[in-house]
Amino acid sequence: MTAPSTPGPTPWMRPLGSTGLQVSAVCAGGSPLGSMPALYGRDVCADEGVATVRAVLDSPIRMIDTSNGYGDGESERRIGAAIAAAGGLPPDVLVATKVDPRGRDFSGARVRESVAESRDRLGLDHLPLVHLHDPEHFTFAEITAPGGALETLVALRDEGEVGAIGLAGGPVDEMARYLDTGVFDVLLVHNRWTLLDRSAGPLLEAAVARGTGVLNAAVYGGGVLARRYEEGRAVRYGYRPAHPEVAAALARMQAACDRHGTDLATAALQLSLRDDRIASTVVGMSRPARVDATMAAAGAEVPEALWAELEGLLPPAGAWLDARRP
């Protein structure tokens, strides 16, 4: 690894809220490791996935995020295989996962089953951080019912079966409702605190006020900010067709980055890294080369003047993801 161990202008190791856990500024996202071509556009073979995790373990990145449901458990299997091949998990690396339903079953029993599956696939005796994953696909009443998913996840923490518990999801209004229960140690948001969308602003403030650790995922908006904008190409943001205002802002942001000698991907990553409310920024990885590229972007020099210019190009709130929910 040629990148410095503490790249960029901001602290590399950071506290995760009041959990007592320390995380690196960049977290390796395990969703692409599960090989989901319908979402990411390509297959990821097992050897490539394991090699990617090995590259992460050999890098300054000290956190990996995955989920029981990524690739029907394949992401966790590959992370577990890489950990085993490395002779065990380095003591300073934190692996976080998420509980997922099976079909429409998100019962308390399913939560316990999900945790057991994750522990077995990862080869870890203890899971230091487990998130409730995408509860917005169920009603609040279902998830919070006595003996249900939320109560069971809290019980697993109280029993010492898992460490901290987190909330990972999308729509801000739904996430705020869960955050208000006061039981979560960590909040993970995705696609909603980026160069193009700031839907999560009030949610981040509420989390920080509670001492809740914050993880920010999908800062590339599903990939559109990870590559150079090309005029005429259909723009998708957050895995759906982008609002015209978002597409227009993307073109203007590309031009601004060009003028300042940087690129959209670097700016998208560093916008999150420089936000002191965010403990770690989750970047999806499925190739070993992605590790070095991410470290280089994290440590790249970005002219200070660019940030004010990009802020002035932010699309209006009516174009953000949560304003467009059906």
C-alpha atoms as a PDB file:
ATOM      1  CA  MET A   1       0.000   0.000   0.000  1.00  0.00           C
ATOM      2  CA  THR A   2       1.587   3.219  -1.169  1.00  0.00           C
ATOM      3  CA  ALA A   3      -0.970   5.622   0.309  1.00  0.00           C
ATOM      4  CA  PRO A   4      -0.115   7.300   3.622  1.00  0.00           C
ATOM      5  CA  SER A   5      -1.608   5.799   6.755  1.00  0.00           C
ATOM      6  CA  THR A   6      -3.428   9.007   7.657  1.00  0.00           C
ATOM      7  CA  PRO A   7      -4.331  10.711   4.364  1.00  0.00           C
ATOM      8  CA  GLY A   8      -6.010  14.035   3.925  1.00  0.00           C
ATOM      9  CA  PRO A   9      -6.501  17.081   6.120  1.00  0.00           C
ATOM     10  CA  THR A  10      -8.875  15.500   8.649  1.00  0.00           C
ATOM     11  CA  PRO A  11      -8.286  12.875  11.392  1.00  0.00           C
ATOM     12  CA  TRP A  12      -8.148   9.330  10.025  1.00  0.00           C
ATOM     13  CA  MET A  13      -9.230   7.382  13.131  1.00  0.00           C
ATOM     14  CA  ARG A  14     -12.380   8.732  14.748  1.00  0.00           C
ATOM     15  CA  PRO A  15     -14.745   7.831  17.605  1.00  0.00           C
ATOM     16  CA  LEU A  16     -18.060   6.320  16.539  1.00  0.00           C
ATOM     17  CA  GLY A  17     -20.380   8.461  18.600  1.00  0.00           C
ATOM     18  CA  SER A  18     -20.525   7.313  22.217  1.00  0.00           C
ATOM     19  CA  THR A  19     -20.092   3.592  21.404  1.00  0.00           C
ATOM     20  CA  GLY A  20     -16.436   3.489  22.474  1.00  0.00           C
ATOM     21  CA  LEU A  21     -15.564   2.110  19.028  1.00  0.00           C
ATOM     22  CA  GLN A  22     -12.909   3.708  16.814  1.00  0.00           C
ATOM     23  CA  VAL A  23     -13.357   3.700  13.038  1.00  0.00           C
ATOM     24  CA  SER A  24     -11.306   4.853  10.086  1.00  0.00           C
ATOM     25  CA  ALA A  25     -12.526   7.823   8.069  1.00  0.00           C
ATOM     26  CA  VAL A  26     -13.176   5.466   5.149  1.00  0.00           C
ATOM     27  CA  CYS A  27     -15.092   2.215   5.577  1.00  0.00           C
ATOM     28  CA  ALA A  28     -15.011  -0.514   2.934  1.00  0.00           C
ATOM     29  CA  GLY A  29     -18.577  -1.182   1.804  1.00  0.00           C
ATOM     30  CA  GLY A  30     -19.298  -4.852   1.237  1.00  0.00           C
ATOM     31  CA  SER A  31     -22.446  -4.620  -0.845  1.00  0.00           C
ATOM     32  CA  PRO A  32     -20.657  -5.043  -4.227  1.00  0.00           C
ATOM     33  CA  LEU A  33     -18.739  -8.020  -2.824  1.00  0.00           C
ATOM     34  CA  GLY A  34     -21.972  -9.984  -2.904  1.00  0.00           C
ATOM     35  CA  SER A  35     -21.952  -9.884  -6.719  1.00  0.00           C
ATOM     36  CA  MET A  36     -25.254  -8.216  -7.573  1.00  0.00           C
ATOM     37  CA  PRO A  37     -24.938  -7.397 -11.292  1.00  0.00           C
ATOM     38  CA  ALA A  38     -28.486  -6.063 -11.536  1.00  0.00           C
ATOM     39  CA  LEU A  39     -27.484  -3.303  -9.125  1.00  0.00           C
ATOM     40  CA  TYR A  40     -23.814  -2.757  -9.938  1.00  0.00           C
ATOM     41  CA  GLY A  41     -23.575  -3.818 -13.577  1.00  0.00           C
ATOM     42  CA  ARG A  42     -21.090  -6.663 -13.257  1.00  0.00           C
ATOM     43  CA  ASP A  43     -20.445 -10.003 -11.621  1.00  0.00           C
ATOM     44  CA  VAL A  44     -17.781 -10.253  -8.932  1.00  0.00           C
ATOM     45  CA  CYS A  45     -16.228 -13.695  -8.677  1.00  0.00           C
ATOM     46  CA  ALA A  46     -15.357 -15.169  -5.300  1.00  0.00           C
ATOM     47  CA  ASP A  47     -11.586 -14.883  -5.812  1.00  0.00           C
ATOM     48  CA  GLU A  48     -11.863 -11.196  -6.713  1.00  0.00           C
ATOM     49  CA  GLY A  49     -14.078 -10.516  -3.728  1.00  0.00           C
ATOM     50  CA  VAL A  50     -11.711 -12.230  -1.313  1.00  0.00           C
ATOM     51  CA  ALA A  51      -8.711 -10.448  -2.848  1.00  0.00           C
ATOM     52  CA  THR A  52     -10.481  -7.114  -2.384  1.00  0.00           C
ATOM     53  CA  VAL A  53     -11.030  -7.767   1.315  1.00  0.00           C
ATOM     54  CA  ARG A  54      -7.408  -8.871   1.695  1.00  0.00           C
ATOM     55  CA  ALA A  55      -6.359  -5.553   0.140  1.00  0.00           C
ATOM     56  CA  VAL A  56      -8.575  -3.719   2.632  1.00  0.00           C
ATOM     57  CA  LEU A  57      -7.032  -5.590   5.560  1.00  0.00           C
ATOM     58  CA  ASP A  58      -3.566  -4.590   4.307  1.00  0.00           C
ATOM     59  CA  SER A  59      -4.585  -0.935   3.956  1.00  0.00           C
ATOM     60  CA  PRO A  60      -5.204   1.920   6.413  1.00  0.00           C
ATOM     61  CA  ILE A  61      -8.961   1.195   6.166  1.00  0.00           C
ATOM     62  CA  ARG A  62      -9.989  -0.244   9.518  1.00  0.00           C
ATOM     63  CA  MET A  63     -13.706  -0.781   9.044  1.00  0.00           C
ATOM     64  CA  ILE A  64     -15.732  -3.079   6.787  1.00  0.00           C
ATOM     65  CA  ASP A  65     -19.508  -2.814   6.420  1.00  0.00           C
ATOM     66  CA  THR A  66     -21.642  -5.664   5.127  1.00  0.00           C
ATOM     67  CA  SER A  67     -25.072  -7.221   5.571  1.00  0.00           C
ATOM     68  CA  ASN A  68     -26.706 -10.600   5.967  1.00  0.00           C
ATOM     69  CA  GLY A  69     -28.638 -10.034   2.754  1.00  0.00           C
ATOM     70  CA  TYR A  70     -25.927  -8.805   0.386  1.00  0.00           C
ATOM     71  CA  GLY A  71     -25.795 -11.398  -2.373  1.00  0.00           C
ATOM     72  CA  ASP A  72     -27.822 -13.809  -0.215  1.00  0.00           C
ATOM     73  CA  GLY A  73     -24.959 -13.879   2.270  1.00  0.00           C
ATOM     74  CA  GLU A  74     -22.150 -14.042  -0.299  1.00  0.00           C
ATOM     75  CA  SER A  75     -20.630 -10.743   0.822  1.00  0.00           C
ATOM     76  CA  GLU A  76     -20.252 -12.072   4.370  1.00  0.00           C
ATOM     77  CA  ARG A  77     -18.881 -15.398   3.119  1.00  0.00           C
ATOM     78  CA  ARG A  78     -16.165 -13.665   1.122  1.00  0.00           C
ATOM     79  CA  ILE A  79     -15.247 -11.372   3.990  1.00  0.00           C
ATOM     80  CA  GLY A  80     -15.067 -14.397   6.259  1.00  0.00           C
ATOM     81  CA  ALA A  81     -12.869 -16.269   3.764  1.00  0.00           C
ATOM     82  CA  ALA A  82     -10.496 -13.302   3.538  1.00  0.00           C
ATOM     83  CA  ILE A  83     -10.286 -13.027   7.327  1.00  0.00           C
ATOM     84  CA  ALA A  84      -9.486 -16.731   7.576  1.00  0.00           C
ATOM     85  CA  ALA A  85      -6.856 -16.489   4.822  1.00  0.00           C
ATOM     86  CA  ALA A  86      -5.245 -13.578   6.660  1.00  0.00           C
ATOM     87  CA  GLY A  87      -4.941 -15.671   9.810  1.00  0.00           C
ATOM     88  CA  GLY A  88      -7.716 -13.856  11.632  1.00  0.00           C
ATOM     89  CA  LEU A  89      -9.173 -10.388  11.906  1.00  0.00           C
ATOM     90  CA  PRO A  90      -6.616  -7.730  12.863  1.00  0.00           C
ATOM     91  CA  PRO A  91      -7.526  -6.430  16.329  1.00  0.00           C
ATOM     92  CA  ASP A  92      -7.976  -2.861  15.101  1.00  0.00           C
ATOM     93  CA  VAL A  93     -10.425  -3.748  12.293  1.00  0.00           C
ATOM     94  CA  LEU A  94     -14.156  -3.462  12.942  1.00  0.00           C
ATOM     95  CA  VAL A  95     -16.583  -5.532  10.860  1.00  0.00           C
ATOM     96  CA  ALA A  96     -20.172  -4.303  10.971  1.00  0.00           C
ATOM     97  CA  THR A  97     -23.127  -6.186   9.548  1.00  0.00           C
ATOM     98  CA  LYS A  98     -26.901  -5.866   9.375  1.00  0.00           C
ATOM     99  CA  VAL A  99     -29.876  -8.051  10.174  1.00  0.00           C
ATOM    100  CA  ASP A 100     -32.127  -8.719   7.202  1.00  0.00           C
ATOM    101  CA  PRO A 101     -35.535 -10.327   6.783  1.00  0.00           C
ATOM    102  CA  ARG A 102     -36.184 -13.547   4.913  1.00  0.00           C
ATOM    103  CA  GLY A 103     -38.922 -12.626   2.490  1.00  0.00           C
ATOM    104  CA  ARG A 104     -41.595 -10.926   4.597  1.00  0.00           C
ATOM    105  CA  ASP A 105     -40.314 -12.463   7.818  1.00  0.00           C
ATOM    106  CA  PHE A 106     -38.677  -9.781   9.951  1.00  0.00           C
ATOM    107  CA  SER A 107     -39.737 -11.293  13.248  1.00  0.00           C
ATOM    108  CA  GLY A 108     -37.696 -11.422  16.411  1.00  0.00           C
ATOM    109  CA  ALA A 109     -36.840 -15.031  15.639  1.00  0.00           C
ATOM    110  CA  ARG A 110     -35.600 -13.994  12.212  1.00  0.00           C
ATOM    111  CA  VAL A 111     -33.349 -11.328  13.774  1.00  0.00           C
ATOM    112  CA  ARG A 112     -31.706 -13.919  16.007  1.00  0.00           C
ATOM    113  CA  GLU A 113     -31.324 -16.253  13.041  1.00  0.00           C
ATOM    114  CA  SER A 114     -29.798 -13.469  10.931  1.00  0.00           C
ATOM    115  CA  VAL A 115     -27.208 -12.694  13.612  1.00  0.00           C
ATOM    116  CA  ALA A 116     -26.283 -16.366  13.923  1.00  0.00           C
ATOM    117  CA  GLU A 117     -25.889 -16.682  10.152  1.00  0.00           C
ATOM    118  CA  SER A 118     -23.684 -13.602   9.978  1.00  0.00           C
ATOM    119  CA  ARG A 119     -21.488 -14.767  12.828  1.00  0.00           C
ATOM    120  CA  ASP A 120     -21.005 -18.138  11.118  1.00  0.00           C
ATOM    121  CA  ARG A 121     -20.244 -16.713   7.662  1.00  0.00           C
ATOM    122  CA  LEU A 122     -17.816 -14.113   8.978  1.00  0.00           C
ATOM    123  CA  GLY A 123     -16.126 -16.574  11.321  1.00  0.00           C
ATOM    124  CA  LEU A 124     -16.396 -14.101  14.202  1.00  0.00           C
ATOM    125  CA  ASP A 125     -17.373 -15.018  17.741  1.00  0.00           C
ATOM    126  CA  HIS A 126     -18.653 -11.515  18.446  1.00  0.00           C
ATOM    127  CA  LEU A 127     -20.278  -8.902  16.198  1.00  0.00           C
ATOM    128  CA  PRO A 128     -19.317  -5.444  17.507  1.00  0.00           C
ATOM    129  CA  LEU A 129     -21.904  -3.521  15.461  1.00  0.00           C
ATOM    130  CA  VAL A 130     -25.152  -4.838  13.991  1.00  0.00           C
ATOM    131  CA  HIS A 131     -27.664  -2.641  12.167  1.00  0.00           C
ATOM    132  CA  LEU A 132     -31.391  -2.986  11.669  1.00  0.00           C
ATOM    133  CA  HIS A 133     -31.441  -2.914   7.862  1.00  0.00           C
ATOM    134  CA  ASP A 134     -33.960  -1.019   5.712  1.00  0.00           C
ATOM    135  CA  PRO A 135     -36.904  -1.175   8.125  1.00  0.00           C
ATOM    136  CA  GLU A 136     -38.788   1.190   5.789  1.00  0.00           C
ATOM    137  CA  HIS A 137     -39.880  -1.845   3.766  1.00  0.00           C
ATOM    138  CA  PHE A 138     -42.102  -2.841   6.685  1.00  0.00           C
ATOM    139  CA  THR A 139     -44.538  -0.838   8.770  1.00  0.00           C
ATOM    140  CA  PHE A 140     -43.274   0.849  11.910  1.00  0.00           C
ATOM    141  CA  ALA A 141     -45.845  -1.154  13.882  1.00  0.00           C
ATOM    142  CA  GLU A 142     -44.453  -4.440  12.532  1.00  0.00           C
ATOM    143  CA  ILE A 143     -40.848  -3.631  13.379  1.00  0.00           C
ATOM    144  CA  THR A 144     -41.587  -2.206  16.839  1.00  0.00           C
ATOM    145  CA  ALA A 145     -44.143  -4.814  17.926  1.00  0.00           C
ATOM    146  CA  PRO A 146     -43.501  -6.578  21.257  1.00  0.00           C
ATOM    147  CA  GLY A 147     -41.029  -9.376  20.624  1.00  0.00           C
ATOM    148  CA  GLY A 148     -40.408  -8.032  17.129  1.00  0.00           C
ATOM    149  CA  ALA A 149     -37.262  -7.103  15.219  1.00  0.00           C
ATOM    150  CA  LEU A 150     -36.365  -3.961  17.139  1.00  0.00           C
ATOM    151  CA  GLU A 151     -37.050  -5.323  20.605  1.00  0.00           C
ATOM    152  CA  THR A 152     -35.057  -8.450  19.793  1.00  0.00           C
ATOM    153  CA  LEU A 153     -32.071  -6.511  18.471  1.00  0.00           C
ATOM    154  CA  VAL A 154     -32.022  -4.479  21.691  1.00  0.00           C
ATOM    155  CA  ALA A 155     -32.238  -7.715  23.686  1.00  0.00           C
ATOM    156  CA  LEU A 156     -29.273  -9.162  21.781  1.00  0.00           C
ATOM    157  CA  ARG A 157     -27.252  -6.114  22.774  1.00  0.00           C
ATOM    158  CA  ASP A 158     -28.389  -6.379  26.380  1.00  0.00           C
ATOM    159  CA  GLU A 159     -27.484 -10.075  26.418  1.00  0.00           C
ATOM    160  CA  GLY A 160     -24.010  -9.331  25.075  1.00  0.00           C
ATOM    161  CA  GLU A 161     -24.648 -11.337  21.903  1.00  0.00           C
ATOM    162  CA  VAL A 162     -23.837  -8.237  19.827  1.00  0.00           C
ATOM    163  CA  GLY A 163     -22.106  -4.994  20.651  1.00  0.00           C
ATOM    164  CA  ALA A 164     -23.562  -1.685  19.492  1.00  0.00           C
ATOM    165  CA  ILE A 165     -26.763  -1.618  17.460  1.00  0.00           C
ATOM    166  CA  GLY A 166     -27.398   0.636  14.505  1.00  0.00           C
ATOM    167  CA  LEU A 167     -30.094   1.849  12.168  1.00  0.00           C
ATOM    168  CA  ALA A 168     -29.356   1.639   8.434  1.00  0.00           C
ATOM    169  CA  GLY A 169     -31.851   2.864   5.885  1.00  0.00           C
ATOM    170  CA  GLY A 170     -32.944   5.444   3.380  1.00  0.00           C
ATOM    171  CA  PRO A 171     -35.999   7.731   3.686  1.00  0.00           C
ATOM    172  CA  VAL A 172     -35.222  10.402   6.244  1.00  0.00           C
ATOM    173  CA  ASP A 173     -38.726  10.682   7.688  1.00  0.00           C
ATOM    174  CA  GLU A 174     -38.823   6.956   8.387  1.00  0.00           C
ATOM    175  CA  MET A 175     -35.308   6.922   9.817  1.00  0.00           C
ATOM    176  CA  ALA A 176     -36.155   9.865  12.090  1.00  0.00           C
ATOM    177  CA  ARG A 177     -39.089   7.920  13.497  1.00  0.00           C
ATOM    178  CA  TYR A 178     -36.806   5.023  14.415  1.00  0.00           C
ATOM    179  CA  LEU A 179     -34.065   7.272  15.733  1.00  0.00           C
ATOM    180  CA  ASP A 180     -36.618   8.856  18.060  1.00  0.00           C
ATOM    181  CA  THR A 181     -37.011   5.518  19.849  1.00  0.00           C
ATOM    182  CA  GLY A 182     -33.698   6.354  21.501  1.00  0.00           C
ATOM    183  CA  VAL A 183     -32.326   2.801  21.351  1.00  0.00           C
ATOM    184  CA  PHE A 184     -29.789   3.083  18.528  1.00  0.00           C
ATOM    185  CA  ASP A 185     -26.070   3.633  19.023  1.00  0.00           C
ATOM    186  CA  VAL A 186     -25.262   4.268  15.357  1.00  0.00           C
ATOM    187  CA  LEU A 187     -27.034   5.694  12.296  1.00  0.00           C
ATOM    188  CA  LEU A 188     -26.126   4.793   8.709  1.00  0.00           C
ATOM    189  CA  VAL A 189     -27.622   6.920   5.932  1.00  0.00           C
ATOM    190  CA  HIS A 190     -27.186   6.416   2.205  1.00  0.00           C
ATOM    191  CA  ASN A 191     -27.518   8.604  -0.901  1.00  0.00           C
ATOM    192  CA  ARG A 192     -28.827  11.480   1.212  1.00  0.00           C
ATOM    193  CA  TRP A 193     -25.720  13.433   2.189  1.00  0.00           C
ATOM    194  CA  THR A 194     -23.799  13.938  -1.040  1.00  0.00           C
ATOM    195  CA  LEU A 195     -22.783  16.619  -3.496  1.00  0.00           C
ATOM    196  CA  LEU A 196     -26.240  16.340  -5.071  1.00  0.00           C
ATOM    197  CA  ASP A 197     -28.610  15.631  -2.172  1.00  0.00           C
ATOM    198  CA  ARG A 198     -28.729  16.879   1.434  1.00  0.00           C
ATOM    199  CA  SER A 199     -31.966  15.249   2.561  1.00  0.00           C
ATOM    200  CA  ALA A 200     -30.293  13.810   5.647  1.00  0.00           C
ATOM    201  CA  GLY A 201     -29.214  17.135   7.160  1.00  0.00           C
ATOM    202  CA  PRO A 202     -31.776  17.274  10.005  1.00  0.00           C
ATOM    203  CA  LEU A 203     -31.280  13.563  10.692  1.00  0.00           C
ATOM    204  CA  LEU A 204     -27.519  13.989  11.072  1.00  0.00           C
ATOM    205  CA  GLU A 205     -28.063  16.859  13.490  1.00  0.00           C
ATOM    206  CA  ALA A 206     -30.520  14.803  15.552  1.00  0.00           C
ATOM    207  CA  ALA A 207     -28.114  11.853  15.677  1.00  0.00           C
ATOM    208  CA  VAL A 208     -25.151  13.958  16.786  1.00  0.00           C
ATOM    209  CA  ALA A 209     -27.262  15.648  19.469  1.00  0.00           C
ATOM    210  CA  ARG A 210     -28.015  12.180  20.904  1.00  0.00           C
ATOM    211  CA  GLY A 211     -24.392  11.054  20.808  1.00  0.00           C
ATOM    212  CA  THR A 212     -25.267   8.584  18.053  1.00  0.00           C
ATOM    213  CA  GLY A 213     -22.406   7.671  15.718  1.00  0.00           C
ATOM    214  CA  VAL A 214     -22.962   8.513  12.045  1.00  0.00           C
ATOM    215  CA  LEU A 215     -21.904   6.519   8.988  1.00  0.00           C
ATOM    216  CA  ASN A 216     -22.466   7.999   5.527  1.00  0.00           C
ATOM    217  CA  ALA A 217     -22.855   5.588   2.613  1.00  0.00           C
ATOM    218  CA  ALA A 218     -23.392   5.823  -1.145  1.00  0.00           C
ATOM    219  CA  VAL A 219     -21.672   9.204  -1.424  1.00  0.00           C
ATOM    220  CA  TYR A 220     -21.397   8.583  -5.183  1.00  0.00           C
ATOM    221  CA  GLY A 221     -25.184   8.408  -5.495  1.00  0.00           C
ATOM    222  CA  GLY A 222     -25.179   4.907  -6.911  1.00  0.00           C
ATOM    223  CA  GLY A 223     -22.155   5.549  -9.135  1.00  0.00           C
ATOM    224  CA  VAL A 224     -23.010   8.746 -10.979  1.00  0.00           C
ATOM    225  CA  LEU A 225     -20.480  10.773  -8.963  1.00  0.00           C
ATOM    226  CA  ALA A 226     -17.798   8.100  -9.226  1.00  0.00           C
ATOM    227  CA  ARG A 227     -17.081   8.811 -12.886  1.00  0.00           C
ATOM    228  CA  ARG A 228     -16.811  11.724 -15.251  1.00  0.00           C
ATOM    229  CA  TYR A 229     -20.089  13.220 -16.390  1.00  0.00           C
ATOM    230  CA  GLU A 230     -20.744  12.756 -20.094  1.00  0.00           C
ATOM    231  CA  GLU A 231     -23.242  14.986 -21.832  1.00  0.00           C
ATOM    232  CA  GLY A 232     -26.117  13.040 -23.322  1.00  0.00           C
ATOM    233  CA  ARG A 233     -25.786  10.032 -21.050  1.00  0.00           C
ATOM    234  CA  ALA A 234     -28.885   9.183 -19.024  1.00  0.00           C
ATOM    235  CA  VAL A 235     -28.288  10.184 -15.413  1.00  0.00           C
ATOM    236  CA  ARG A 236     -29.383   7.931 -12.554  1.00  0.00           C
ATOM    237  CA  TYR A 237     -29.112   8.954  -8.931  1.00  0.00           C
ATOM    238  CA  GLY A 238     -29.854   6.681  -6.000  1.00  0.00           C
ATOM    239  CA  TYR A 239     -30.586   3.788  -8.413  1.00  0.00           C
ATOM    240  CA  ARG A 240     -33.371   5.630 -10.222  1.00  0.00           C
ATOM    241  CA  PRO A 241     -33.626   8.198 -13.037  1.00  0.00           C
ATOM    242  CA  ALA A 242     -32.343  11.539 -11.754  1.00  0.00           C
ATOM    243  CA  HIS A 243     -34.455  14.666 -11.546  1.00  0.00           C
ATOM    244  CA  PRO A 244     -33.547  17.062 -14.417  1.00  0.00           C
ATOM    245  CA  GLU A 245     -32.235  19.566 -11.851  1.00  0.00           C
ATOM    246  CA  VAL A 246     -29.851  16.913 -10.540  1.00  0.00           C
ATOM    247  CA  ALA A 247     -28.570  16.152 -14.038  1.00  0.00           C
ATOM    248  CA  ALA A 248     -28.042  19.850 -14.722  1.00  0.00           C
ATOM    249  CA  ALA A 249     -26.198  20.333 -11.436  1.00  0.00           C
ATOM    250  CA  LEU A 250     -24.000  17.346 -12.200  1.00  0.00           C
ATOM    251  CA  ALA A 251     -22.839  18.931 -15.455  1.00  0.00           C
ATOM    252  CA  ARG A 252     -22.045  22.210 -13.720  1.00  0.00           C
ATOM    253  CA  MET A 253     -20.208  20.434 -10.903  1.00  0.00           C
ATOM    254  CA  GLN A 254     -18.103  18.550 -13.428  1.00  0.00           C
ATOM    255  CA  ALA A 255     -17.083  21.846 -14.994  1.00  0.00           C
ATOM    256  CA  ALA A 256     -16.246  23.312 -11.573  1.00  0.00           C
ATOM    257  CA  CYS A 257     -14.054  20.327 -10.691  1.00  0.00           C
ATOM    258  CA  ASP A 258     -12.256  20.682 -14.023  1.00  0.00           C
ATOM    259  CA  ARG A 259     -11.506  24.334 -13.311  1.00  0.00           C
ATOM    260  CA  HIS A 260     -10.074  23.444  -9.913  1.00  0.00           C
ATOM    261  CA  GLY A 261      -7.969  20.531 -11.140  1.00  0.00           C
ATOM    262  CA  THR A 262      -9.851  17.697  -9.451  1.00  0.00           C
ATOM    263  CA  ASP A 263     -12.685  15.291 -10.262  1.00  0.00           C
ATOM    264  CA  LEU A 264     -16.209  14.526  -9.116  1.00  0.00           C
ATOM    265  CA  ALA A 265     -15.256  11.317  -7.315  1.00  0.00           C
ATOM    266  CA  THR A 266     -12.623  13.014  -5.178  1.00  0.00           C
ATOM    267  CA  ALA A 267     -14.938  15.901  -4.337  1.00  0.00           C
ATOM    268  CA  ALA A 268     -17.822  13.520  -3.527  1.00  0.00           C
ATOM    269  CA  LEU A 269     -15.680  11.524  -1.110  1.00  0.00           C
ATOM    270  CA  GLN A 270     -14.026  14.483   0.561  1.00  0.00           C
ATOM    271  CA  LEU A 271     -17.322  16.340   1.089  1.00  0.00           C
ATOM    272  CA  SER A 272     -18.199  13.538   3.493  1.00  0.00           C
ATOM    273  CA  LEU A 273     -14.722  13.118   4.988  1.00  0.00           C
ATOM    274  CA  ARG A 274     -14.512  16.785   5.949  1.00  0.00           C
ATOM    275  CA  ASP A 275     -17.881  16.759   7.768  1.00  0.00           C
ATOM    276  CA  ASP A 276     -17.097  16.373  11.472  1.00  0.00           C
ATOM    277  CA  ARG A 277     -20.540  14.889  12.163  1.00  0.00           C
ATOM    278  CA  ILE A 278     -19.635  11.825  10.101  1.00  0.00           C
ATOM    279  CA  ALA A 279     -17.410   9.220  11.730  1.00  0.00           C
ATOM    280  CA  SER A 280     -16.834   7.094   8.630  1.00  0.00           C
ATOM    281  CA  THR A 281     -17.737   7.226   4.955  1.00  0.00           C
ATOM    282  CA  VAL A 282     -18.734   3.894   3.426  1.00  0.00           C
ATOM    283  CA  VAL A 283     -17.308   3.288  -0.052  1.00  0.00           C
ATOM    284  CA  GLY A 284     -18.360   0.162  -1.930  1.00  0.00           C
ATOM    285  CA  MET A 285     -15.428  -1.952  -3.114  1.00  0.00           C
ATOM    286  CA  SER A 286     -15.258  -5.023  -5.351  1.00  0.00           C
ATOM    287  CA  ARG A 287     -11.771  -4.774  -6.887  1.00  0.00           C
ATOM    288  CA  PRO A 288      -8.423  -4.621  -5.075  1.00  0.00           C
ATOM    289  CA  ALA A 289      -7.469  -1.569  -7.147  1.00  0.00           C
ATOM    290  CA  ARG A 290     -10.441   0.268  -5.670  1.00  0.00           C
ATOM    291  CA  VAL A 291      -8.723   0.318  -2.294  1.00  0.00           C
ATOM    292  CA  ASP A 292      -5.692   2.246  -3.556  1.00  0.00           C
ATOM    293  CA  ALA A 293      -7.874   4.543  -5.669  1.00  0.00           C
ATOM    294  CA  THR A 294     -10.047   5.413  -2.676  1.00  0.00           C
ATOM    295  CA  MET A 295      -7.041   6.106  -0.487  1.00  0.00           C
ATOM    296  CA  ALA A 296      -5.577   8.348  -3.164  1.00  0.00           C
ATOM    297  CA  ALA A 297      -8.846  10.296  -3.432  1.00  0.00           C
ATOM    298  CA  ALA A 298      -9.037  10.619   0.358  1.00  0.00           C
ATOM    299  CA  GLY A 299      -5.567  12.153   0.475  1.00  0.00           C
ATOM    300  CA  ALA A 300      -5.766  14.342  -2.641  1.00  0.00           C
ATOM    301  CA  GLU A 301      -5.456  18.116  -2.278  1.00  0.00           C
ATOM    302  CA  VAL A 302      -8.683  19.915  -3.163  1.00  0.00           C
ATOM    303  CA  PRO A 303      -8.665  23.718  -3.462  1.00  0.00           C
ATOM    304  CA  GLU A 304     -10.683  25.278  -0.669  1.00  0.00           C
ATOM    305  CA  ALA A 305     -12.454  27.570  -3.139  1.00  0.00           C
ATOM    306  CA  LEU A 306     -14.098  24.586  -4.818  1.00  0.00           C
ATOM    307  CA  TRP A 307     -16.319  23.827  -1.828  1.00  0.00           C
ATOM    308  CA  ALA A 308     -18.153  27.136  -1.898  1.00  0.00           C
ATOM    309  CA  GLU A 309     -18.617  26.840  -5.639  1.00  0.00           C
ATOM    310  CA  LEU A 310     -20.053  23.326  -5.385  1.00  0.00           C
ATOM    311  CA  GLU A 311     -22.360  24.431  -2.574  1.00  0.00           C
ATOM    312  CA  GLY A 312     -23.764  27.082  -4.874  1.00  0.00           C
ATOM    313  CA  LEU A 313     -24.528  24.425  -7.479  1.00  0.00           C
ATOM    314  CA  LEU A 314     -26.526  22.147  -5.147  1.00  0.00           C
ATOM    315  CA  PRO A 315     -29.865  21.149  -6.735  1.00  0.00           C
ATOM    316  CA  PRO A 316     -32.993  22.522  -5.026  1.00  0.00           C
ATOM    317  CA  ALA A 317     -34.554  20.438  -2.251  1.00  0.00           C
ATOM    318  CA  GLY A 318     -37.483  19.518  -4.485  1.00  0.00           C
ATOM    319  CA  ALA A 319     -35.094  17.471  -6.625  1.00  0.00           C
ATOM    320  CA  TRP A 320     -33.680  15.419  -3.746  1.00  0.00           C
ATOM    321  CA  LEU A 321     -34.564  11.763  -3.271  1.00  0.00           C
ATOM    322  CA  ASP A 322     -36.964  12.118  -0.374  1.00  0.00           C
ATOM    323  CA  ALA A 323     -38.895  14.909  -2.056  1.00  0.00           C
ATOM    324  CA  ARG A 324     -39.639  12.490  -4.913  1.00  0.00           C
ATOM    325  CA  ARG A 325     -40.909   9.534  -2.889  1.00  0.00           C
ATOM    326  CA  PRO A 326     -44.291   8.224  -4.071  1.00  0.00           C
END
